[in-house]
Amino acid sequence: MSKRVQVGALVWVLATVGAFFLDPILGSAVLLFGGVLVVVGHLASQWGEGTTFEEREMARARRRKSKYEANAGKRAKDRERWEAGKARRAAREAAKGPGKTG
């Protein structure tokens, strides 16, 4: 928790105690709204600590590259099967001879 949020929380507690001495309804309002403001302040203090778009994209590219490299063997096997099927089709077409269809 940042120093600014801690100071805000201390001020909130003191204001709440003071407001309860004046009026319980006022104290309840200060308690509720002040608590919300302290929570929002805490969340806002950490807002800019996330990763940037470029960092997320670089991590994504690294994951994609590792996945691509891990599947290189499967792609080579598929390419080999595709080439073999293409060769078989070409051999069938050649065996039919010119002018013969279907």
Protein backbone atom coordinates (compact mmCIF):
# COMPACT_ATOMS: atom_id res chain seq x y z
CA MET A 1 0.00 0.00 0.00
CA SER A 2 1.42 3.39 -0.94
CA LYS A 3 2.21 6.11 1.56
CA ARG A 4 -0.50 8.34 0.08
CA VAL A 5 -3.17 5.66 0.60
CA GLN A 6 -2.01 5.07 4.17
CA VAL A 7 -2.30 8.78 4.94
CA GLY A 8 -5.74 8.83 3.33
CA ALA A 9 -6.84 5.85 5.41
CA LEU A 10 -5.61 7.54 8.60
CA VAL A 11 -7.48 10.74 7.75
CA TRP A 12 -10.58 8.67 6.98
CA VAL A 13 -10.44 6.90 10.35
CA LEU A 14 -9.99 10.20 12.22
CA ALA A 15 -12.81 11.86 10.27
CA THR A 16 -15.08 8.89 10.92
CA VAL A 17 -14.42 8.94 14.66
CA GLY A 18 -15.00 12.69 14.78
CA ALA A 19 -18.19 12.43 12.76
CA PHE A 20 -19.54 9.67 15.03
CA PHE A 21 -19.05 11.96 18.04
CA LEU A 22 -21.12 14.64 16.30
CA ASP A 23 -23.87 12.48 14.84
CA PRO A 24 -24.16 8.70 14.25
CA ILE A 25 -25.83 9.18 10.86
CA LEU A 26 -23.10 11.57 9.71
CA GLY A 27 -20.50 9.14 11.06
CA SER A 28 -22.06 6.30 9.06
CA ALA A 29 -21.99 8.37 5.88
CA VAL A 30 -18.34 9.32 6.41
CA LEU A 31 -17.54 5.69 7.18
CA LEU A 32 -19.18 4.42 4.00
CA PHE A 33 -18.10 7.06 1.51
CA GLY A 34 -14.64 7.48 3.01
CA GLY A 35 -14.08 3.73 2.87
CA VAL A 36 -15.04 3.68 -0.79
CA LEU A 37 -12.63 6.54 -1.51
CA VAL A 38 -9.78 4.77 0.31
CA VAL A 39 -10.40 1.56 -1.66
CA VAL A 40 -10.56 3.47 -4.95
CA GLY A 41 -7.36 5.31 -4.02
CA HIS A 42 -5.64 2.02 -3.27
CA LEU A 43 -6.71 0.52 -6.59
CA ALA A 44 -5.72 3.67 -8.47
CA SER A 45 -2.27 3.67 -6.88
CA GLN A 46 -1.48 0.37 -8.62
CA TRP A 47 -3.02 1.30 -11.96
CA GLY A 48 0.16 1.98 -13.91
CA GLU A 49 2.10 -1.03 -12.67
CA GLY A 50 0.73 -3.39 -15.31
CA THR A 51 2.56 -4.52 -18.41
CA THR A 52 2.54 -2.46 -21.57
CA PHE A 53 1.01 -3.56 -24.85
CA GLU A 54 4.46 -4.16 -26.33
CA GLU A 55 5.50 -6.39 -23.43
CA ARG A 56 2.34 -8.47 -23.72
CA GLU A 57 2.79 -8.82 -27.48
CA MET A 58 6.44 -9.89 -27.09
CA ALA A 59 5.42 -12.55 -24.55
CA ARG A 60 2.67 -13.72 -26.90
CA ALA A 61 5.14 -13.90 -29.81
CA ARG A 62 7.55 -15.98 -27.69
CA ARG A 63 4.76 -18.41 -26.78
CA ARG A 64 3.68 -18.71 -30.42
CA LYS A 65 7.28 -19.30 -31.56
CA SER A 66 7.86 -22.04 -28.99
CA LYS A 67 4.57 -23.69 -29.97
CA TYR A 68 5.51 -23.41 -33.66
CA GLU A 69 8.93 -24.99 -33.03
CA ALA A 70 7.39 -27.76 -30.91
CA ASN A 71 5.08 -28.74 -33.79
CA ALA A 72 7.74 -28.65 -36.53
CA GLY A 73 7.87 -32.46 -36.70
CA LYS A 74 4.12 -32.75 -37.17
CA ARG A 75 4.15 -30.15 -39.93
CA ALA A 76 7.00 -31.96 -41.72
CA LYS A 77 5.11 -35.25 -41.50
CA ASP A 78 1.93 -33.63 -42.85
CA ARG A 79 3.89 -32.02 -45.68
CA GLU A 80 5.43 -35.40 -46.54
CA ARG A 81 2.00 -37.08 -46.61
CA TRP A 82 0.60 -34.26 -48.74
CA GLU A 83 3.47 -34.55 -51.23
CA ALA A 84 3.01 -38.34 -51.40
CA GLY A 85 -0.72 -37.94 -52.06
CA LYS A 86 0.00 -35.34 -54.71
CA ALA A 87 2.46 -37.72 -56.38
CA ARG A 88 -0.12 -40.56 -56.32
CA ARG A 89 -2.73 -38.31 -57.96
CA ALA A 90 -0.25 -37.26 -60.61
CA ALA A 91 0.61 -40.93 -61.26
CA ARG A 92 -3.09 -41.82 -61.62
CA GLU A 93 -3.65 -38.95 -64.04
CA ALA A 94 -0.62 -40.03 -66.06
CA ALA A 95 -1.84 -43.65 -66.11
CA LYS A 96 -5.21 -42.63 -67.54
CA GLY A 97 -3.51 -41.23 -70.56
CA PRO A 98 -4.28 -38.17 -72.63
CA GLY A 99 -7.88 -37.51 -73.58
CA LYS A 100 -9.41 -39.90 -71.07
CA THR A 101 -11.53 -38.32 -68.40
CA GLY A 102 -13.32 -39.55 -65.28
